Amino acid sequence: MEVGVFGTMALARDPGGAVFGIWQANAHEGFDTEMGAPGGYCWAEVFTRDAKAVDAFYPAVFPYTERKMDEASMDFAVFHVQGQPVLGRMVMDSDFPPEVPSYVNVYFAVPDCDAAVARTTERGGALHFGPTDSPFGRFAVLGDPQGAAFAVIDVTTTQGEMPHMSPMT
């Protein structure tokens, strides 16, 4: 669908059921804030129960290569464009209730995860998970007052060793 002179957009669903949007820029290029800057887009992950179908889909549609994390406790992959990570993929295991559908989780950078959680809940949002520390940063999954889920992450506060990734495929 064309959005005036701004660009063209589409909504799609991957084979695992996660809905996502794509944007082809024209007068509006996209994010005004630098990726990873406080308040800006930082990362996204596809949560799915069908890794095989999703892992085949994204590289067939986009110029992605895939690397899997060598971590026995979870099935996680990272899609790259020209060697740069652009999207994560997480398998939804038994920790996820069966009624939770596949989804895309979007992360926004914040200077202080705990303060962002406090501001969100004070303004009617909900805390779904966290805050928790990781090698990637301290993060939490939140919901806005209308129920839309998103995550916040402080990438300057990391804990633990970065996981090893398998070679590019």
N, C-alpha and C. Protein backbone atom coordinates (compact mmCIF):
# COMPACT_ATOMS: atom_id res chain seq x y z
N MET A 1 0.84 -1.16 0.00
CA MET A 1 0.00 0.00 0.00
C MET A 1 0.90 1.24 0.00
N GLU A 2 0.62 2.17 -0.90
CA GLU A 2 1.35 3.43 -0.90
C GLU A 2 0.81 4.32 0.22
N VAL A 3 1.73 5.00 0.90
CA VAL A 3 1.37 5.91 1.98
C VAL A 3 1.74 7.31 1.51
N GLY A 4 0.90 7.87 0.69
CA GLY A 4 1.17 9.18 0.10
C GLY A 4 2.53 9.20 -0.56
N VAL A 5 3.27 10.28 -0.34
CA VAL A 5 4.63 10.41 -0.88
C VAL A 5 5.67 9.84 0.06
N PHE A 6 5.22 9.33 1.20
CA PHE A 6 6.16 8.88 2.23
C PHE A 6 6.85 7.56 1.90
N GLY A 7 6.14 6.63 1.30
CA GLY A 7 6.72 5.33 0.99
C GLY A 7 5.64 4.30 0.77
N THR A 8 6.07 3.04 0.73
CA THR A 8 5.14 1.93 0.51
C THR A 8 5.32 0.94 1.64
N MET A 9 4.20 0.42 2.13
CA MET A 9 4.26 -0.51 3.25
C MET A 9 3.47 -1.77 2.92
N ALA A 10 3.81 -2.83 3.65
CA ALA A 10 3.06 -4.07 3.56
C ALA A 10 3.09 -4.77 4.91
N LEU A 11 2.04 -5.47 5.21
CA LEU A 11 1.99 -6.35 6.37
C LEU A 11 1.97 -7.77 5.85
N ALA A 12 2.70 -8.65 6.50
CA ALA A 12 2.78 -10.04 6.07
C ALA A 12 2.80 -10.95 7.29
N ARG A 13 2.67 -12.23 7.02
CA ARG A 13 2.74 -13.23 8.08
C ARG A 13 3.75 -14.29 7.65
N ASP A 14 4.69 -14.62 8.54
CA ASP A 14 5.66 -15.67 8.20
C ASP A 14 5.00 -17.04 8.37
N PRO A 15 5.65 -18.11 7.92
CA PRO A 15 5.03 -19.45 8.00
C PRO A 15 4.75 -19.93 9.42
N GLY A 16 5.41 -19.33 10.41
CA GLY A 16 5.16 -19.69 11.80
C GLY A 16 3.99 -18.92 12.39
N GLY A 17 3.48 -17.92 11.67
CA GLY A 17 2.33 -17.15 12.11
C GLY A 17 2.62 -15.76 12.63
N ALA A 18 3.89 -15.37 12.74
CA ALA A 18 4.22 -14.03 13.24
C ALA A 18 3.93 -12.98 12.16
N VAL A 19 3.25 -11.91 12.54
CA VAL A 19 2.92 -10.82 11.63
C VAL A 19 4.01 -9.76 11.75
N PHE A 20 4.43 -9.23 10.60
CA PHE A 20 5.46 -8.20 10.58
C PHE A 20 5.15 -7.22 9.45
N GLY A 21 5.77 -6.05 9.52
CA GLY A 21 5.58 -5.04 8.48
C GLY A 21 6.90 -4.74 7.80
N ILE A 22 6.80 -4.31 6.55
CA ILE A 22 7.99 -3.86 5.81
C ILE A 22 7.70 -2.48 5.23
N TRP A 23 8.77 -1.73 5.00
CA TRP A 23 8.66 -0.34 4.55
C TRP A 23 9.66 -0.09 3.43
N GLN A 24 9.19 0.45 2.31
CA GLN A 24 10.07 0.92 1.24
C GLN A 24 9.98 2.43 1.25
N ALA A 25 11.09 3.07 1.57
CA ALA A 25 11.12 4.51 1.76
C ALA A 25 10.94 5.28 0.47
N ASN A 26 10.34 6.46 0.62
CA ASN A 26 10.31 7.48 -0.41
C ASN A 26 10.67 8.77 0.30
N ALA A 27 9.73 9.67 0.54
CA ALA A 27 10.03 10.93 1.23
C ALA A 27 10.34 10.72 2.70
N HIS A 28 9.82 9.66 3.30
CA HIS A 28 10.10 9.35 4.71
C HIS A 28 10.95 8.09 4.75
N GLU A 29 12.20 8.24 5.17
CA GLU A 29 13.14 7.12 5.12
C GLU A 29 12.92 6.09 6.22
N GLY A 30 12.36 6.48 7.33
CA GLY A 30 12.16 5.54 8.43
C GLY A 30 12.48 6.20 9.76
N PHE A 31 13.16 5.47 10.62
CA PHE A 31 13.46 5.97 11.96
C PHE A 31 14.28 7.25 11.90
N ASP A 32 13.87 8.23 12.72
CA ASP A 32 14.63 9.47 12.82
C ASP A 32 15.76 9.36 13.83
N THR A 33 15.62 8.45 14.77
CA THR A 33 16.63 8.24 15.80
C THR A 33 17.58 7.14 15.36
N GLU A 34 18.86 7.34 15.61
CA GLU A 34 19.86 6.33 15.26
C GLU A 34 19.57 5.01 15.96
N MET A 35 19.74 3.92 15.25
CA MET A 35 19.48 2.60 15.82
C MET A 35 20.33 2.41 17.08
N GLY A 36 19.68 2.05 18.18
CA GLY A 36 20.37 1.81 19.44
C GLY A 36 20.52 3.03 20.31
N ALA A 37 20.18 4.22 19.79
CA ALA A 37 20.24 5.44 20.60
C ALA A 37 19.07 5.44 21.58
N PRO A 38 19.22 6.02 22.77
CA PRO A 38 18.12 6.04 23.74
C PRO A 38 16.82 6.54 23.10
N GLY A 39 15.78 5.73 23.27
CA GLY A 39 14.47 6.06 22.71
C GLY A 39 14.26 5.50 21.31
N GLY A 40 15.32 4.98 20.69
CA GLY A 40 15.22 4.49 19.32
C GLY A 40 15.11 2.98 19.25
N TYR A 41 14.74 2.53 18.06
CA TYR A 41 14.69 1.09 17.78
C TYR A 41 16.07 0.50 18.02
N CYS A 42 16.10 -0.71 18.59
CA CYS A 42 17.37 -1.34 18.90
C CYS A 42 17.49 -2.75 18.31
N TRP A 43 16.40 -3.53 18.34
CA TRP A 43 16.50 -4.94 17.98
C TRP A 43 15.09 -5.50 17.83
N ALA A 44 14.96 -6.63 17.14
CA ALA A 44 13.69 -7.35 17.06
C ALA A 44 13.97 -8.85 17.04
N GLU A 45 13.04 -9.61 17.59
CA GLU A 45 13.14 -11.07 17.61
C GLU A 45 11.81 -11.68 17.20
N VAL A 46 11.87 -12.68 16.37
CA VAL A 46 10.70 -13.47 16.01
C VAL A 46 10.62 -14.64 16.98
N PHE A 47 9.50 -14.79 17.66
CA PHE A 47 9.25 -15.93 18.54
C PHE A 47 8.31 -16.87 17.80
N THR A 48 8.73 -18.12 17.63
CA THR A 48 7.98 -19.07 16.81
C THR A 48 8.04 -20.47 17.37
N ARG A 49 7.09 -21.30 16.98
CA ARG A 49 7.11 -22.72 17.31
C ARG A 49 7.59 -23.54 16.11
N ASP A 50 7.79 -22.90 14.95
CA ASP A 50 8.17 -23.60 13.73
C ASP A 50 9.48 -23.02 13.17
N ALA A 51 10.58 -23.31 13.86
CA ALA A 51 11.88 -22.76 13.47
C ALA A 51 12.28 -23.17 12.06
N LYS A 52 12.03 -24.41 11.69
CA LYS A 52 12.44 -24.89 10.37
C LYS A 52 11.81 -24.04 9.26
N ALA A 53 10.51 -23.81 9.34
CA ALA A 53 9.82 -23.02 8.31
C ALA A 53 10.28 -21.56 8.34
N VAL A 54 10.42 -21.00 9.53
CA VAL A 54 10.83 -19.60 9.66
C VAL A 54 12.27 -19.41 9.18
N ASP A 55 13.15 -20.36 9.53
CA ASP A 55 14.55 -20.26 9.12
C ASP A 55 14.71 -20.35 7.61
N ALA A 56 13.82 -21.04 6.94
CA ALA A 56 13.85 -21.11 5.48
C ALA A 56 13.22 -19.86 4.86
N PHE A 57 12.19 -19.32 5.51
CA PHE A 57 11.42 -18.20 4.96
C PHE A 57 12.21 -16.90 4.88
N TYR A 58 12.77 -16.45 5.99
CA TYR A 58 13.37 -15.12 6.01
C TYR A 58 14.53 -14.98 5.02
N PRO A 59 15.46 -15.94 4.92
CA PRO A 59 16.52 -15.81 3.91
C PRO A 59 16.00 -15.93 2.46
N ALA A 60 14.84 -16.54 2.27
CA ALA A 60 14.26 -16.63 0.92
C ALA A 60 13.62 -15.31 0.51
N VAL A 61 13.14 -14.53 1.49
CA VAL A 61 12.45 -13.27 1.21
C VAL A 61 13.39 -12.07 1.29
N PHE A 62 14.31 -12.09 2.23
CA PHE A 62 15.23 -10.97 2.47
C PHE A 62 16.67 -11.44 2.24
N PRO A 63 17.61 -10.52 2.05
CA PRO A 63 19.00 -10.93 1.81
C PRO A 63 19.73 -11.32 3.10
N TYR A 64 19.16 -12.28 3.83
CA TYR A 64 19.68 -12.68 5.13
C TYR A 64 20.54 -13.93 5.04
N THR A 65 21.55 -13.97 5.89
CA THR A 65 22.24 -15.21 6.20
C THR A 65 21.94 -15.49 7.67
N GLU A 66 22.09 -16.73 8.09
CA GLU A 66 21.68 -17.12 9.44
C GLU A 66 22.84 -17.75 10.19
N ARG A 67 22.92 -17.42 11.47
CA ARG A 67 23.86 -18.07 12.38
C ARG A 67 23.06 -18.52 13.59
N LYS A 68 23.33 -19.73 14.06
CA LYS A 68 22.65 -20.25 15.24
C LYS A 68 23.55 -20.12 16.45
N MET A 69 22.92 -19.81 17.58
CA MET A 69 23.65 -19.70 18.82
C MET A 69 23.94 -21.11 19.34
N ASP A 70 25.17 -21.34 19.73
CA ASP A 70 25.59 -22.63 20.27
C ASP A 70 25.28 -22.67 21.76
N GLU A 71 24.01 -22.76 22.08
CA GLU A 71 23.54 -22.74 23.47
C GLU A 71 22.55 -23.89 23.62
N ALA A 72 22.88 -24.86 24.45
CA ALA A 72 22.04 -26.04 24.60
C ALA A 72 20.69 -25.74 25.23
N SER A 73 20.58 -24.66 26.01
CA SER A 73 19.35 -24.40 26.74
C SER A 73 18.26 -23.74 25.89
N MET A 74 18.60 -23.25 24.68
CA MET A 74 17.57 -22.61 23.85
C MET A 74 17.94 -22.72 22.38
N ASP A 75 16.93 -22.63 21.54
CA ASP A 75 17.11 -22.64 20.09
C ASP A 75 16.96 -21.19 19.62
N PHE A 76 18.10 -20.54 19.36
CA PHE A 76 18.11 -19.14 18.98
C PHE A 76 19.00 -18.96 17.76
N ALA A 77 18.54 -18.18 16.81
CA ALA A 77 19.31 -17.88 15.61
C ALA A 77 19.32 -16.37 15.39
N VAL A 78 20.32 -15.90 14.65
CA VAL A 78 20.42 -14.49 14.30
C VAL A 78 20.56 -14.39 12.79
N PHE A 79 19.72 -13.56 12.19
CA PHE A 79 19.80 -13.28 10.77
C PHE A 79 20.67 -12.04 10.56
N HIS A 80 21.51 -12.09 9.53
CA HIS A 80 22.46 -11.01 9.24
C HIS A 80 22.25 -10.50 7.81
N VAL A 81 22.58 -9.23 7.60
CA VAL A 81 22.69 -8.63 6.27
C VAL A 81 24.09 -8.07 6.17
N GLN A 82 24.84 -8.55 5.21
CA GLN A 82 26.23 -8.12 5.01
C GLN A 82 27.03 -8.18 6.31
N GLY A 83 26.83 -9.28 7.06
CA GLY A 83 27.59 -9.51 8.28
C GLY A 83 27.06 -8.79 9.51
N GLN A 84 26.04 -7.94 9.36
CA GLN A 84 25.48 -7.20 10.50
C GLN A 84 24.20 -7.88 10.99
N PRO A 85 24.09 -8.14 12.30
CA PRO A 85 22.87 -8.76 12.82
C PRO A 85 21.67 -7.82 12.68
N VAL A 86 20.54 -8.36 12.20
CA VAL A 86 19.35 -7.53 11.99
C VAL A 86 18.09 -8.09 12.65
N LEU A 87 18.07 -9.40 12.97
CA LEU A 87 16.86 -10.00 13.50
C LEU A 87 17.21 -11.29 14.23
N GLY A 88 16.61 -11.49 15.38
CA GLY A 88 16.77 -12.74 16.11
C GLY A 88 15.57 -13.65 15.89
N ARG A 89 15.78 -14.94 16.11
CA ARG A 89 14.69 -15.93 16.05
C ARG A 89 14.80 -16.85 17.25
N MET A 90 13.74 -16.93 18.03
CA MET A 90 13.70 -17.73 19.25
C MET A 90 12.59 -18.75 19.12
N VAL A 91 12.89 -20.01 19.47
CA VAL A 91 11.86 -21.04 19.49
C VAL A 91 11.08 -20.94 20.80
N MET A 92 9.76 -20.96 20.67
CA MET A 92 8.88 -20.93 21.83
C MET A 92 8.77 -22.35 22.36
N ASP A 93 9.37 -22.60 23.51
CA ASP A 93 9.34 -23.94 24.10
C ASP A 93 8.20 -24.05 25.10
N SER A 94 8.26 -25.03 25.98
CA SER A 94 7.17 -25.27 26.94
C SER A 94 7.03 -24.14 27.97
N ASP A 95 8.00 -23.22 28.03
CA ASP A 95 7.86 -22.07 28.93
C ASP A 95 6.77 -21.10 28.44
N PHE A 96 6.42 -21.21 27.16
CA PHE A 96 5.39 -20.35 26.58
C PHE A 96 4.06 -21.10 26.58
N PRO A 97 3.01 -20.51 27.17
CA PRO A 97 1.71 -21.18 27.14
C PRO A 97 1.27 -21.45 25.70
N PRO A 98 0.59 -22.57 25.45
CA PRO A 98 0.22 -22.94 24.08
C PRO A 98 -0.68 -21.91 23.39
N GLU A 99 -1.41 -21.12 24.15
CA GLU A 99 -2.30 -20.12 23.53
C GLU A 99 -1.56 -18.88 23.03
N VAL A 100 -0.28 -18.72 23.39
CA VAL A 100 0.49 -17.57 22.92
C VAL A 100 0.90 -17.81 21.47
N PRO A 101 0.46 -16.94 20.56
CA PRO A 101 0.81 -17.13 19.15
C PRO A 101 2.24 -16.66 18.86
N SER A 102 2.75 -17.02 17.70
CA SER A 102 4.04 -16.50 17.25
C SER A 102 3.94 -14.99 17.15
N TYR A 103 5.05 -14.31 17.40
CA TYR A 103 5.02 -12.85 17.37
C TYR A 103 6.43 -12.30 17.14
N VAL A 104 6.48 -11.00 16.85
CA VAL A 104 7.74 -10.27 16.74
C VAL A 104 7.82 -9.34 17.95
N ASN A 105 8.92 -9.43 18.68
CA ASN A 105 9.15 -8.58 19.84
C ASN A 105 10.15 -7.50 19.45
N VAL A 106 9.76 -6.23 19.59
CA VAL A 106 10.61 -5.10 19.22
C VAL A 106 11.21 -4.50 20.49
N TYR A 107 12.52 -4.25 20.44
CA TYR A 107 13.26 -3.67 21.57
C TYR A 107 13.59 -2.21 21.27
N PHE A 108 13.40 -1.35 22.28
CA PHE A 108 13.78 0.06 22.20
C PHE A 108 14.90 0.30 23.22
N ALA A 109 15.91 1.05 22.83
CA ALA A 109 17.03 1.35 23.71
C ALA A 109 16.61 2.38 24.75
N VAL A 110 17.07 2.17 25.99
CA VAL A 110 16.81 3.11 27.08
C VAL A 110 18.10 3.28 27.88
N PRO A 111 18.29 4.43 28.51
CA PRO A 111 19.50 4.61 29.32
C PRO A 111 19.45 3.89 30.66
N ASP A 112 18.23 3.50 31.12
CA ASP A 112 18.07 2.83 32.41
C ASP A 112 16.82 1.96 32.34
N CYS A 113 17.01 0.65 32.28
CA CYS A 113 15.89 -0.28 32.13
C CYS A 113 14.90 -0.17 33.28
N ASP A 114 15.40 -0.15 34.51
CA ASP A 114 14.51 -0.10 35.68
C ASP A 114 13.68 1.17 35.71
N ALA A 115 14.29 2.29 35.33
CA ALA A 115 13.55 3.56 35.27
C ALA A 115 12.48 3.51 34.18
N ALA A 116 12.78 2.89 33.05
CA ALA A 116 11.79 2.77 31.97
C ALA A 116 10.62 1.90 32.40
N VAL A 117 10.90 0.82 33.13
CA VAL A 117 9.83 -0.03 33.66
C VAL A 117 8.96 0.77 34.62
N ALA A 118 9.58 1.52 35.51
CA ALA A 118 8.83 2.32 36.48
C ALA A 118 7.94 3.34 35.77
N ARG A 119 8.50 4.04 34.78
CA ARG A 119 7.70 5.04 34.04
C ARG A 119 6.53 4.38 33.31
N THR A 120 6.77 3.21 32.74
CA THR A 120 5.71 2.50 32.01
C THR A 120 4.58 2.10 32.94
N THR A 121 4.91 1.48 34.06
CA THR A 121 3.86 1.01 34.97
C THR A 121 3.14 2.18 35.65
N GLU A 122 3.86 3.27 35.94
CA GLU A 122 3.23 4.46 36.53
C GLU A 122 2.20 5.07 35.59
N ARG A 123 2.38 4.86 34.29
CA ARG A 123 1.50 5.47 33.29
C ARG A 123 0.47 4.47 32.73
N GLY A 124 0.27 3.36 33.44
CA GLY A 124 -0.78 2.43 33.06
C GLY A 124 -0.34 1.25 32.22
N GLY A 125 0.95 1.13 31.94
CA GLY A 125 1.47 -0.02 31.21
C GLY A 125 1.68 -1.19 32.15
N ALA A 126 2.10 -2.32 31.58
CA ALA A 126 2.27 -3.54 32.37
C ALA A 126 3.67 -4.10 32.17
N LEU A 127 4.18 -4.72 33.22
CA LEU A 127 5.44 -5.45 33.15
C LEU A 127 5.11 -6.91 32.91
N HIS A 128 5.62 -7.48 31.79
CA HIS A 128 5.37 -8.88 31.46
C HIS A 128 6.53 -9.79 31.85
N PHE A 129 7.76 -9.26 31.77
CA PHE A 129 8.95 -10.07 32.06
C PHE A 129 10.10 -9.15 32.42
N GLY A 130 10.86 -9.55 33.45
CA GLY A 130 12.06 -8.81 33.81
C GLY A 130 11.77 -7.79 34.89
N PRO A 131 12.68 -6.83 35.00
CA PRO A 131 13.94 -6.69 34.28
C PRO A 131 14.91 -7.82 34.61
N THR A 132 15.74 -8.13 33.63
CA THR A 132 16.75 -9.16 33.81
C THR A 132 18.02 -8.76 33.08
N ASP A 133 19.13 -9.27 33.58
CA ASP A 133 20.42 -8.97 32.98
C ASP A 133 20.79 -10.05 31.97
N SER A 134 21.53 -9.63 30.94
CA SER A 134 22.01 -10.57 29.92
C SER A 134 23.32 -10.02 29.36
N PRO A 135 24.02 -10.83 28.57
CA PRO A 135 25.23 -10.33 27.92
C PRO A 135 24.94 -9.21 26.91
N PHE A 136 23.68 -9.07 26.51
CA PHE A 136 23.29 -8.05 25.52
C PHE A 136 22.84 -6.76 26.18
N GLY A 137 22.48 -6.83 27.46
CA GLY A 137 22.02 -5.66 28.19
C GLY A 137 20.94 -6.03 29.20
N ARG A 138 20.56 -5.08 30.02
CA ARG A 138 19.47 -5.29 30.99
C ARG A 138 18.18 -4.95 30.27
N PHE A 139 17.22 -5.91 30.27
CA PHE A 139 16.00 -5.69 29.50
C PHE A 139 14.76 -6.12 30.26
N ALA A 140 13.61 -5.67 29.74
CA ALA A 140 12.30 -6.04 30.27
C ALA A 140 11.31 -6.02 29.12
N VAL A 141 10.28 -6.87 29.23
CA VAL A 141 9.20 -6.89 28.26
C VAL A 141 7.99 -6.23 28.92
N LEU A 142 7.44 -5.25 28.22
CA LEU A 142 6.36 -4.43 28.76
C LEU A 142 5.14 -4.46 27.85
N GLY A 143 4.05 -3.89 28.32
CA GLY A 143 2.86 -3.69 27.51
C GLY A 143 2.36 -2.29 27.72
N ASP A 144 1.90 -1.65 26.63
CA ASP A 144 1.33 -0.31 26.80
C ASP A 144 -0.10 -0.44 27.33
N PRO A 145 -0.76 0.68 27.70
CA PRO A 145 -2.10 0.59 28.28
C PRO A 145 -3.14 -0.08 27.36
N GLN A 146 -2.88 -0.12 26.05
CA GLN A 146 -3.81 -0.77 25.13
C GLN A 146 -3.46 -2.25 24.92
N GLY A 147 -2.33 -2.73 25.49
CA GLY A 147 -1.96 -4.13 25.42
C GLY A 147 -0.87 -4.47 24.43
N ALA A 148 -0.39 -3.50 23.65
CA ALA A 148 0.69 -3.79 22.71
C ALA A 148 1.98 -4.07 23.48
N ALA A 149 2.64 -5.17 23.15
CA ALA A 149 3.87 -5.56 23.84
C ALA A 149 5.09 -5.00 23.14
N PHE A 150 6.12 -4.71 23.91
CA PHE A 150 7.41 -4.24 23.41
C PHE A 150 8.43 -4.48 24.50
N ALA A 151 9.70 -4.32 24.15
CA ALA A 151 10.76 -4.51 25.14
C ALA A 151 11.63 -3.26 25.20
N VAL A 152 12.25 -3.06 26.34
CA VAL A 152 13.24 -1.99 26.51
C VAL A 152 14.54 -2.65 26.93
N ILE A 153 15.65 -2.06 26.51
CA ILE A 153 16.95 -2.63 26.85
C ILE A 153 17.97 -1.51 27.04
N ASP A 154 18.75 -1.66 28.10
CA ASP A 154 19.90 -0.78 28.36
C ASP A 154 21.13 -1.56 27.93
N VAL A 155 21.65 -1.25 26.75
CA VAL A 155 22.76 -2.01 26.18
C VAL A 155 24.09 -1.68 26.85
N THR A 156 24.11 -0.67 27.72
CA THR A 156 25.35 -0.33 28.42
C THR A 156 25.51 -1.13 29.71
N THR A 157 24.46 -1.81 30.15
CA THR A 157 24.50 -2.59 31.38
C THR A 157 24.41 -4.06 31.00
N THR A 158 25.55 -4.70 30.84
CA THR A 158 25.59 -6.10 30.42
C THR A 158 26.13 -6.97 31.55
N GLN A 159 25.76 -8.26 31.50
CA GLN A 159 26.26 -9.20 32.49
C GLN A 159 26.38 -10.57 31.84
N GLY A 160 27.52 -11.21 32.05
CA GLY A 160 27.73 -12.55 31.51
C GLY A 160 28.51 -12.53 30.21
N GLU A 161 28.87 -13.73 29.78
CA GLU A 161 29.65 -13.90 28.55
C GLU A 161 28.73 -13.93 27.34
N MET A 162 29.17 -13.32 26.26
CA MET A 162 28.42 -13.36 25.01
C MET A 162 28.38 -14.81 24.52
N PRO A 163 27.25 -15.27 24.00
CA PRO A 163 27.17 -16.65 23.50
C PRO A 163 27.96 -16.79 22.20
N HIS A 164 28.42 -18.01 21.97
CA HIS A 164 29.13 -18.30 20.73
C HIS A 164 28.11 -18.60 19.65
N MET A 165 28.40 -18.11 18.44
CA MET A 165 27.52 -18.35 17.30
C MET A 165 28.21 -19.27 16.32
N SER A 166 27.43 -20.15 15.69
CA SER A 166 27.97 -21.03 14.67
C SER A 166 28.33 -20.21 13.42
N PRO A 167 29.15 -20.76 12.53
CA PRO A 167 29.52 -20.03 11.31
C PRO A 167 28.28 -19.69 10.47
N MET A 168 28.41 -18.68 9.63
CA MET A 168 27.32 -18.25 8.75
C MET A 168 26.89 -19.39 7.83
N THR A 169 25.57 -19.43 7.59
CA THR A 169 25.04 -20.41 6.64
C THR A 169 24.45 -19.69 5.45
